[in-house]
Amino acid sequence: MGVSNNPPVWLSSIATQVESRLSEFLQYEQDRWSGIDDDLGIPLGELTRLVDAGGKRLRPAFCYLAFVGAGGDANARDLLDTQAAIELLHASALLHDDIIDGSSTRRGEPT
């Protein structure tokens, strides 16, 4: 039996939902901060670019499995927000790591 390169449907579904929520949140914040001053939107634009570069989105899947495994409602809106927050925290940590290490790229994109 060979190993599939395609993730299970449930994992892809979580990734899609989290990416949609992240996009919605980051666009809202981009508009809000840019409305104060265009320069304030620059860091959010960079974070959005990093998040949009992709990833496996395993942390949101672990969050889902832990929450539902402990008896939580799989359709809870707070669950999706928490999954997105965990992924945003991870992206921020990667960005911080790139700054500290002086890395010029992350996931093939400039940092």
N, C-alpha and C. Protein backbone atom coordinates (compact mmCIF):
# COMPACT_ATOMS: atom_id res chain seq x y z
N MET A 1 0.85 -1.17 0.00
CA MET A 1 0.00 0.00 0.00
C MET A 1 0.90 1.24 0.00
N GLY A 2 0.68 2.15 -0.93
CA GLY A 2 1.48 3.37 -1.05
C GLY A 2 0.98 4.45 -0.11
N VAL A 3 1.82 5.43 0.10
CA VAL A 3 1.48 6.57 0.93
C VAL A 3 0.89 7.65 0.04
N SER A 4 -0.24 8.19 0.43
CA SER A 4 -0.91 9.24 -0.34
C SER A 4 -0.32 10.60 0.01
N ASN A 5 -0.17 11.43 -1.00
CA ASN A 5 0.27 12.81 -0.79
C ASN A 5 -0.90 13.73 -0.49
N ASN A 6 -2.11 13.22 -0.61
CA ASN A 6 -3.30 14.03 -0.37
C ASN A 6 -3.75 13.87 1.07
N PRO A 7 -3.98 15.00 1.76
CA PRO A 7 -4.47 14.90 3.14
C PRO A 7 -5.90 14.39 3.16
N PRO A 8 -6.32 13.81 4.29
CA PRO A 8 -7.72 13.37 4.40
C PRO A 8 -8.67 14.55 4.21
N VAL A 9 -9.87 14.26 3.77
CA VAL A 9 -10.86 15.30 3.50
C VAL A 9 -11.12 16.15 4.74
N TRP A 10 -11.24 15.53 5.91
CA TRP A 10 -11.54 16.29 7.13
C TRP A 10 -10.42 17.27 7.44
N LEU A 11 -9.17 16.90 7.16
CA LEU A 11 -8.04 17.79 7.42
C LEU A 11 -8.04 18.96 6.43
N SER A 12 -8.33 18.66 5.19
CA SER A 12 -8.43 19.72 4.17
C SER A 12 -9.57 20.68 4.50
N SER A 13 -10.67 20.14 5.01
CA SER A 13 -11.82 20.96 5.39
C SER A 13 -11.46 21.93 6.51
N ILE A 14 -10.74 21.45 7.51
CA ILE A 14 -10.31 22.31 8.61
C ILE A 14 -9.41 23.41 8.07
N ALA A 15 -8.44 23.04 7.24
CA ALA A 15 -7.51 24.03 6.67
C ALA A 15 -8.27 25.10 5.89
N THR A 16 -9.23 24.68 5.09
CA THR A 16 -10.01 25.63 4.28
C THR A 16 -10.80 26.59 5.15
N GLN A 17 -11.45 26.06 6.19
CA GLN A 17 -12.24 26.90 7.09
C GLN A 17 -11.35 27.89 7.84
N VAL A 18 -10.20 27.42 8.31
CA VAL A 18 -9.28 28.29 9.05
C VAL A 18 -8.72 29.37 8.13
N GLU A 19 -8.35 29.00 6.92
CA GLU A 19 -7.82 29.98 5.98
C GLU A 19 -8.86 31.05 5.66
N SER A 20 -10.11 30.64 5.52
CA SER A 20 -11.18 31.59 5.26
C SER A 20 -11.36 32.55 6.44
N ARG A 21 -11.34 32.01 7.65
CA ARG A 21 -11.50 32.85 8.85
C ARG A 21 -10.32 33.79 9.01
N LEU A 22 -9.10 33.30 8.76
CA LEU A 22 -7.92 34.16 8.84
C LEU A 22 -8.01 35.29 7.82
N SER A 23 -8.43 34.97 6.63
CA SER A 23 -8.56 35.97 5.57
C SER A 23 -9.56 37.05 5.97
N GLU A 24 -10.69 36.61 6.49
CA GLU A 24 -11.74 37.54 6.94
C GLU A 24 -11.20 38.45 8.04
N PHE A 25 -10.56 37.88 9.03
CA PHE A 25 -10.03 38.65 10.16
C PHE A 25 -8.94 39.62 9.72
N LEU A 26 -7.99 39.13 8.94
CA LEU A 26 -6.87 39.98 8.53
C LEU A 26 -7.33 41.11 7.61
N GLN A 27 -8.32 40.86 6.77
CA GLN A 27 -8.85 41.93 5.91
C GLN A 27 -9.55 42.99 6.75
N TYR A 28 -10.32 42.55 7.74
CA TYR A 28 -10.98 43.50 8.64
C TYR A 28 -9.96 44.38 9.35
N GLU A 29 -8.92 43.75 9.90
CA GLU A 29 -7.89 44.51 10.61
C GLU A 29 -7.10 45.41 9.67
N GLN A 30 -6.82 44.93 8.46
CA GLN A 30 -6.11 45.74 7.46
C GLN A 30 -6.90 47.01 7.15
N ASP A 31 -8.19 46.85 6.92
CA ASP A 31 -9.05 48.00 6.64
C ASP A 31 -9.11 48.95 7.83
N ARG A 32 -9.24 48.39 9.02
CA ARG A 32 -9.34 49.20 10.23
C ARG A 32 -8.08 50.02 10.46
N TRP A 33 -6.93 49.38 10.40
CA TRP A 33 -5.67 50.08 10.67
C TRP A 33 -5.29 51.03 9.54
N SER A 34 -5.54 50.63 8.30
CA SER A 34 -5.24 51.51 7.17
C SER A 34 -6.15 52.73 7.17
N GLY A 35 -7.35 52.60 7.74
CA GLY A 35 -8.26 53.73 7.86
C GLY A 35 -7.72 54.81 8.79
N ILE A 36 -6.89 54.43 9.71
CA ILE A 36 -6.25 55.39 10.62
C ILE A 36 -5.07 56.05 9.91
N ASP A 37 -4.23 55.21 9.31
CA ASP A 37 -3.05 55.69 8.57
C ASP A 37 -2.59 54.54 7.67
N ASP A 38 -2.34 54.83 6.41
CA ASP A 38 -1.94 53.78 5.46
C ASP A 38 -0.72 53.01 5.94
N ASP A 39 0.21 53.68 6.59
CA ASP A 39 1.43 53.01 7.06
C ASP A 39 1.14 51.96 8.13
N LEU A 40 0.05 52.12 8.86
CA LEU A 40 -0.28 51.15 9.90
C LEU A 40 -0.71 49.81 9.31
N GLY A 41 -1.15 49.82 8.08
CA GLY A 41 -1.57 48.58 7.43
C GLY A 41 -0.42 47.76 6.88
N ILE A 42 0.77 48.34 6.80
CA ILE A 42 1.92 47.64 6.21
C ILE A 42 2.27 46.35 6.96
N PRO A 43 2.44 46.39 8.29
CA PRO A 43 2.76 45.14 8.99
C PRO A 43 1.68 44.06 8.83
N LEU A 44 0.42 44.47 8.83
CA LEU A 44 -0.66 43.50 8.63
C LEU A 44 -0.62 42.92 7.22
N GLY A 45 -0.26 43.74 6.26
CA GLY A 45 -0.11 43.24 4.89
C GLY A 45 0.97 42.18 4.79
N GLU A 46 2.06 42.40 5.50
CA GLU A 46 3.15 41.42 5.51
C GLU A 46 2.73 40.13 6.21
N LEU A 47 2.02 40.27 7.33
CA LEU A 47 1.54 39.08 8.04
C LEU A 47 0.54 38.31 7.16
N THR A 48 -0.33 39.04 6.47
CA THR A 48 -1.29 38.41 5.57
C THR A 48 -0.58 37.64 4.47
N ARG A 49 0.46 38.23 3.91
CA ARG A 49 1.21 37.58 2.85
C ARG A 49 1.84 36.28 3.36
N LEU A 50 2.38 36.31 4.58
CA LEU A 50 2.97 35.11 5.17
C LEU A 50 1.91 34.03 5.40
N VAL A 51 0.78 34.42 5.95
CA VAL A 51 -0.31 33.46 6.21
C VAL A 51 -0.83 32.88 4.90
N ASP A 52 -0.96 33.73 3.88
CA ASP A 52 -1.46 33.28 2.58
C ASP A 52 -0.49 32.37 1.84
N ALA A 53 0.78 32.35 2.28
CA ALA A 53 1.78 31.49 1.62
C ALA A 53 1.50 30.02 1.87
N GLY A 54 0.59 29.73 2.79
CA GLY A 54 0.17 28.35 3.01
C GLY A 54 0.81 27.68 4.20
N GLY A 55 0.69 26.39 4.21
CA GLY A 55 1.16 25.58 5.32
C GLY A 55 0.22 24.40 5.50
N LYS A 56 0.61 23.49 6.35
CA LYS A 56 -0.19 22.28 6.54
C LYS A 56 -1.41 22.50 7.43
N ARG A 57 -1.37 23.54 8.24
CA ARG A 57 -2.47 23.87 9.17
C ARG A 57 -2.73 22.72 10.14
N LEU A 58 -1.66 22.11 10.63
CA LEU A 58 -1.82 21.02 11.59
C LEU A 58 -2.24 21.51 12.97
N ARG A 59 -1.77 22.67 13.38
CA ARG A 59 -2.13 23.17 14.71
C ARG A 59 -3.64 23.36 14.86
N PRO A 60 -4.32 23.95 13.86
CA PRO A 60 -5.79 24.02 13.96
C PRO A 60 -6.44 22.64 14.01
N ALA A 61 -5.86 21.67 13.30
CA ALA A 61 -6.41 20.31 13.34
C ALA A 61 -6.24 19.70 14.72
N PHE A 62 -5.08 19.91 15.35
CA PHE A 62 -4.86 19.41 16.71
C PHE A 62 -5.84 20.06 17.68
N CYS A 63 -6.07 21.36 17.50
CA CYS A 63 -7.03 22.08 18.34
C CYS A 63 -8.43 21.47 18.19
N TYR A 64 -8.82 21.22 16.95
CA TYR A 64 -10.13 20.62 16.67
C TYR A 64 -10.25 19.25 17.34
N LEU A 65 -9.25 18.41 17.12
CA LEU A 65 -9.29 17.05 17.67
C LEU A 65 -9.34 17.06 19.20
N ALA A 66 -8.58 17.94 19.83
CA ALA A 66 -8.58 18.02 21.29
C ALA A 66 -9.94 18.52 21.81
N PHE A 67 -10.47 19.56 21.17
CA PHE A 67 -11.73 20.14 21.61
C PHE A 67 -12.89 19.16 21.44
N VAL A 68 -12.99 18.58 20.26
CA VAL A 68 -14.09 17.64 19.99
C VAL A 68 -13.89 16.36 20.79
N GLY A 69 -12.65 15.91 20.92
CA GLY A 69 -12.35 14.71 21.70
C GLY A 69 -12.72 14.86 23.17
N ALA A 70 -12.68 16.10 23.66
CA ALA A 70 -13.05 16.37 25.05
C ALA A 70 -14.54 16.65 25.21
N GLY A 71 -15.30 16.48 24.12
CA GLY A 71 -16.75 16.63 24.21
C GLY A 71 -17.29 17.95 23.70
N GLY A 72 -16.44 18.79 23.11
CA GLY A 72 -16.90 20.09 22.61
C GLY A 72 -17.70 19.96 21.32
N ASP A 73 -18.47 20.99 21.02
CA ASP A 73 -19.31 21.04 19.82
C ASP A 73 -18.43 21.35 18.61
N ALA A 74 -18.39 20.43 17.65
CA ALA A 74 -17.53 20.58 16.47
C ALA A 74 -17.92 21.78 15.61
N ASN A 75 -19.12 22.32 15.80
CA ASN A 75 -19.58 23.45 15.00
C ASN A 75 -19.54 24.77 15.75
N ALA A 76 -18.94 24.80 16.92
CA ALA A 76 -18.89 26.02 17.72
C ALA A 76 -18.07 27.10 17.00
N ARG A 77 -18.62 28.32 16.89
CA ARG A 77 -17.92 29.43 16.24
C ARG A 77 -16.62 29.75 17.00
N ASP A 78 -16.64 29.64 18.31
CA ASP A 78 -15.43 29.91 19.09
C ASP A 78 -14.31 28.94 18.75
N LEU A 79 -14.66 27.73 18.36
CA LEU A 79 -13.64 26.76 17.97
C LEU A 79 -12.88 27.25 16.75
N LEU A 80 -13.58 27.71 15.73
CA LEU A 80 -12.93 28.20 14.53
C LEU A 80 -12.07 29.43 14.84
N ASP A 81 -12.57 30.32 15.67
CA ASP A 81 -11.78 31.49 16.06
C ASP A 81 -10.51 31.08 16.79
N THR A 82 -10.62 30.08 17.65
CA THR A 82 -9.45 29.59 18.39
C THR A 82 -8.45 28.94 17.45
N GLN A 83 -8.94 28.15 16.52
CA GLN A 83 -8.05 27.52 15.54
C GLN A 83 -7.31 28.58 14.73
N ALA A 84 -8.02 29.60 14.30
CA ALA A 84 -7.39 30.68 13.52
C ALA A 84 -6.38 31.44 14.37
N ALA A 85 -6.71 31.67 15.64
CA ALA A 85 -5.79 32.38 16.53
C ALA A 85 -4.50 31.59 16.73
N ILE A 86 -4.62 30.29 16.87
CA ILE A 86 -3.43 29.44 17.03
C ILE A 86 -2.56 29.52 15.78
N GLU A 87 -3.17 29.50 14.62
CA GLU A 87 -2.41 29.58 13.36
C GLU A 87 -1.77 30.96 13.21
N LEU A 88 -2.47 32.00 13.63
CA LEU A 88 -1.93 33.36 13.57
C LEU A 88 -0.76 33.52 14.53
N LEU A 89 -0.87 32.93 15.71
CA LEU A 89 0.24 32.95 16.66
C LEU A 89 1.45 32.23 16.08
N HIS A 90 1.22 31.11 15.43
CA HIS A 90 2.32 30.36 14.81
C HIS A 90 2.98 31.19 13.70
N ALA A 91 2.18 31.82 12.85
CA ALA A 91 2.72 32.64 11.77
C ALA A 91 3.54 33.80 12.34
N SER A 92 3.05 34.38 13.43
CA SER A 92 3.79 35.48 14.07
C SER A 92 5.11 34.99 14.64
N ALA A 93 5.11 33.79 15.21
CA ALA A 93 6.35 33.22 15.75
C ALA A 93 7.35 32.94 14.62
N LEU A 94 6.86 32.47 13.48
CA LEU A 94 7.74 32.24 12.33
C LEU A 94 8.35 33.55 11.84
N LEU A 95 7.52 34.58 11.77
CA LEU A 95 8.00 35.89 11.33
C LEU A 95 9.06 36.41 12.30
N HIS A 96 8.80 36.29 13.58
CA HIS A 96 9.77 36.70 14.60
C HIS A 96 11.07 35.92 14.46
N ASP A 97 10.96 34.62 14.25
CA ASP A 97 12.13 33.77 14.07
C ASP A 97 12.96 34.22 12.86
N ASP A 98 12.28 34.55 11.77
CA ASP A 98 12.99 35.02 10.57
C ASP A 98 13.72 36.33 10.83
N ILE A 99 13.11 37.21 11.60
CA ILE A 99 13.75 38.49 11.93
C ILE A 99 14.99 38.24 12.78
N ILE A 100 14.86 37.41 13.81
CA ILE A 100 15.98 37.11 14.70
C ILE A 100 17.12 36.43 13.95
N ASP A 101 16.78 35.48 13.06
CA ASP A 101 17.79 34.74 12.31
C ASP A 101 18.32 35.49 11.09
N GLY A 102 17.68 36.58 10.73
CA GLY A 102 18.08 37.32 9.54
C GLY A 102 17.75 36.58 8.25
N SER A 103 16.72 35.72 8.30
CA SER A 103 16.31 34.95 7.12
C SER A 103 15.64 35.88 6.11
N SER A 104 15.89 35.64 4.85
CA SER A 104 15.31 36.49 3.82
C SER A 104 14.05 35.89 3.19
N THR A 105 13.82 34.59 3.40
CA THR A 105 12.62 33.96 2.83
C THR A 105 11.97 33.01 3.83
N ARG A 106 10.68 32.80 3.62
CA ARG A 106 9.90 31.82 4.37
C ARG A 106 8.87 31.28 3.40
N ARG A 107 8.84 29.95 3.24
CA ARG A 107 7.92 29.31 2.30
C ARG A 107 8.08 29.89 0.89
N GLY A 108 9.32 30.22 0.55
CA GLY A 108 9.62 30.73 -0.78
C GLY A 108 9.27 32.19 -1.00
N GLU A 109 8.79 32.85 0.04
CA GLU A 109 8.41 34.25 -0.05
C GLU A 109 9.36 35.10 0.78
N PRO A 110 9.61 36.35 0.35
CA PRO A 110 10.47 37.23 1.17
C PRO A 110 9.83 37.52 2.52
N THR A 111 10.67 37.61 3.55
CA THR A 111 10.14 37.96 4.88
C THR A 111 10.63 39.33 5.28
